Amino acid sequence: MAHPKRKTSKQRRNKRRTHVKASTQQLAKCSNCGATVRYHTVCPECGYYRGKPAVEQADVL
């Protein structure tokens, strides 16, 4: 088997990976109120995250 003679630089490695991008944002339904929210974010409608209150309703924009 071939072995690399030199370390692959971060720039060269990252150039190889540039074509793999998420095409659209992933959306889910809030488990508390049913509103559409992005994954891994607090619901802007009710302030819940993963079924638990994360922020007070007054703090949500």
N, C-alpha and C. Protein backbone atom coordinates (compact mmCIF):
# COMPACT_ATOMS: atom_id res chain seq x y z
N MET A 1 0.84 -1.19 0.00
CA MET A 1 0.00 0.00 0.00
C MET A 1 0.88 1.24 0.00
N ALA A 2 0.36 2.27 -0.62
CA ALA A 2 1.10 3.53 -0.67
C ALA A 2 0.97 4.27 0.66
N HIS A 3 2.03 4.93 1.04
CA HIS A 3 2.04 5.74 2.25
C HIS A 3 2.39 7.16 1.86
N PRO A 4 1.74 8.15 2.47
CA PRO A 4 2.06 9.54 2.13
C PRO A 4 3.48 9.90 2.57
N LYS A 5 4.20 10.58 1.68
CA LYS A 5 5.57 10.99 2.01
C LYS A 5 5.56 12.29 2.79
N ARG A 6 4.51 13.11 2.58
CA ARG A 6 4.44 14.39 3.26
C ARG A 6 3.04 14.58 3.85
N LYS A 7 2.96 15.45 4.86
CA LYS A 7 1.68 15.77 5.48
C LYS A 7 0.84 16.57 4.49
N THR A 8 -0.45 16.25 4.41
CA THR A 8 -1.36 17.03 3.58
C THR A 8 -1.74 18.29 4.35
N SER A 9 -1.53 19.45 3.72
CA SER A 9 -1.80 20.72 4.40
C SER A 9 -3.31 20.92 4.59
N LYS A 10 -3.68 21.77 5.54
CA LYS A 10 -5.09 22.06 5.80
C LYS A 10 -5.74 22.67 4.56
N GLN A 11 -5.02 23.53 3.89
CA GLN A 11 -5.57 24.19 2.71
C GLN A 11 -5.86 23.18 1.60
N ARG A 12 -4.95 22.27 1.37
CA ARG A 12 -5.14 21.27 0.33
C ARG A 12 -6.29 20.32 0.69
N ARG A 13 -6.34 19.92 1.96
CA ARG A 13 -7.41 19.04 2.43
C ARG A 13 -8.77 19.74 2.28
N ASN A 14 -8.85 21.01 2.67
CA ASN A 14 -10.11 21.73 2.63
C ASN A 14 -10.56 22.01 1.20
N LYS A 15 -9.62 22.21 0.29
CA LYS A 15 -9.98 22.40 -1.12
C LYS A 15 -10.70 21.17 -1.66
N ARG A 16 -10.28 20.02 -1.22
CA ARG A 16 -10.87 18.77 -1.67
C ARG A 16 -12.30 18.61 -1.15
N ARG A 17 -12.62 19.23 -0.04
CA ARG A 17 -13.92 19.06 0.60
C ARG A 17 -14.91 20.18 0.30
N THR A 18 -14.57 21.13 -0.55
CA THR A 18 -15.42 22.31 -0.75
C THR A 18 -16.72 22.01 -1.45
N HIS A 19 -16.81 20.98 -2.27
CA HIS A 19 -18.01 20.73 -3.04
C HIS A 19 -19.13 20.10 -2.23
N VAL A 20 -18.87 19.68 -1.01
CA VAL A 20 -19.89 19.05 -0.18
C VAL A 20 -20.50 20.11 0.74
N LYS A 21 -21.68 20.59 0.38
CA LYS A 21 -22.37 21.62 1.14
C LYS A 21 -23.83 21.20 1.32
N ALA A 22 -24.41 21.59 2.42
CA ALA A 22 -25.84 21.36 2.62
C ALA A 22 -26.60 22.30 1.70
N SER A 23 -27.53 21.76 0.93
CA SER A 23 -28.22 22.58 -0.05
C SER A 23 -29.30 23.46 0.58
N THR A 24 -30.04 22.94 1.54
CA THR A 24 -31.09 23.73 2.17
C THR A 24 -31.01 23.56 3.68
N GLN A 25 -31.61 24.48 4.39
CA GLN A 25 -31.65 24.37 5.85
C GLN A 25 -32.65 23.29 6.23
N GLN A 26 -32.29 22.52 7.23
CA GLN A 26 -33.17 21.46 7.69
C GLN A 26 -34.18 22.05 8.68
N LEU A 27 -35.44 21.74 8.47
CA LEU A 27 -36.50 22.27 9.31
C LEU A 27 -37.20 21.15 10.05
N ALA A 28 -37.69 21.47 11.23
CA ALA A 28 -38.43 20.51 12.05
C ALA A 28 -39.62 21.22 12.68
N LYS A 29 -40.51 20.43 13.27
CA LYS A 29 -41.65 21.01 13.98
C LYS A 29 -41.32 21.08 15.45
N CYS A 30 -41.70 22.16 16.09
CA CYS A 30 -41.53 22.33 17.53
C CYS A 30 -42.40 21.31 18.24
N SER A 31 -41.82 20.61 19.23
CA SER A 31 -42.57 19.59 19.95
C SER A 31 -43.61 20.21 20.89
N ASN A 32 -43.45 21.50 21.21
CA ASN A 32 -44.38 22.15 22.14
C ASN A 32 -45.55 22.81 21.42
N CYS A 33 -45.25 23.65 20.42
CA CYS A 33 -46.32 24.41 19.77
C CYS A 33 -46.58 24.01 18.31
N GLY A 34 -45.68 23.24 17.70
CA GLY A 34 -45.89 22.79 16.33
C GLY A 34 -45.41 23.76 15.28
N ALA A 35 -44.76 24.84 15.65
CA ALA A 35 -44.24 25.80 14.67
C ALA A 35 -43.02 25.21 13.96
N THR A 36 -42.74 25.70 12.76
CA THR A 36 -41.58 25.24 12.01
C THR A 36 -40.34 25.98 12.49
N VAL A 37 -39.31 25.23 12.87
CA VAL A 37 -38.07 25.81 13.38
C VAL A 37 -36.88 25.10 12.74
N ARG A 38 -35.73 25.77 12.72
CA ARG A 38 -34.50 25.13 12.26
C ARG A 38 -34.03 24.16 13.34
N TYR A 39 -33.31 23.12 12.91
CA TYR A 39 -32.74 22.18 13.88
C TYR A 39 -31.75 22.88 14.79
N HIS A 40 -31.65 22.43 16.02
CA HIS A 40 -30.68 22.90 17.02
C HIS A 40 -30.86 24.37 17.37
N THR A 41 -32.09 24.89 17.29
CA THR A 41 -32.36 26.27 17.69
C THR A 41 -33.59 26.32 18.58
N VAL A 42 -33.68 27.36 19.37
CA VAL A 42 -34.84 27.57 20.23
C VAL A 42 -36.01 28.03 19.37
N CYS A 43 -37.20 27.55 19.68
CA CYS A 43 -38.40 27.93 18.92
C CYS A 43 -38.68 29.41 19.14
N PRO A 44 -38.81 30.20 18.07
CA PRO A 44 -39.08 31.63 18.24
C PRO A 44 -40.50 31.92 18.71
N GLU A 45 -41.42 30.95 18.56
CA GLU A 45 -42.81 31.17 18.96
C GLU A 45 -43.01 30.98 20.46
N CYS A 46 -42.47 29.87 21.00
CA CYS A 46 -42.76 29.56 22.41
C CYS A 46 -41.52 29.56 23.30
N GLY A 47 -40.32 29.54 22.73
CA GLY A 47 -39.11 29.58 23.53
C GLY A 47 -38.67 28.23 24.06
N TYR A 48 -39.20 27.13 23.51
CA TYR A 48 -38.82 25.79 23.96
C TYR A 48 -37.73 25.22 23.06
N TYR A 49 -36.89 24.36 23.66
CA TYR A 49 -35.86 23.64 22.91
C TYR A 49 -35.84 22.22 23.42
N ARG A 50 -36.08 21.27 22.55
CA ARG A 50 -36.11 19.84 22.88
C ARG A 50 -37.08 19.52 24.01
N GLY A 51 -38.25 20.17 23.98
CA GLY A 51 -39.29 19.88 24.93
C GLY A 51 -39.16 20.56 26.28
N LYS A 52 -38.17 21.41 26.45
CA LYS A 52 -37.97 22.10 27.72
C LYS A 52 -37.92 23.60 27.48
N PRO A 53 -38.41 24.41 28.44
CA PRO A 53 -38.34 25.86 28.25
C PRO A 53 -36.89 26.33 28.29
N ALA A 54 -36.46 27.03 27.26
CA ALA A 54 -35.08 27.50 27.17
C ALA A 54 -34.97 28.97 27.49
N VAL A 55 -35.92 29.77 27.03
CA VAL A 55 -35.92 31.21 27.30
C VAL A 55 -37.33 31.63 27.68
N GLU A 56 -37.40 32.73 28.40
CA GLU A 56 -38.70 33.29 28.77
C GLU A 56 -39.39 33.84 27.52
N GLN A 57 -40.69 33.84 27.50
CA GLN A 57 -41.45 34.32 26.35
C GLN A 57 -41.13 35.78 26.03
N ALA A 58 -40.87 36.62 27.03
CA ALA A 58 -40.57 38.02 26.79
C ALA A 58 -39.20 38.20 26.12
N ASP A 59 -38.26 37.25 26.33
CA ASP A 59 -36.93 37.35 25.75
C ASP A 59 -36.88 36.95 24.29
N VAL A 60 -37.87 36.22 23.80
CA VAL A 60 -37.88 35.74 22.42
C VAL A 60 -38.20 36.90 21.49
N LEU A 61 -37.45 37.00 20.41
CA LEU A 61 -37.70 38.09 19.45
C LEU A 61 -38.78 37.73 18.48
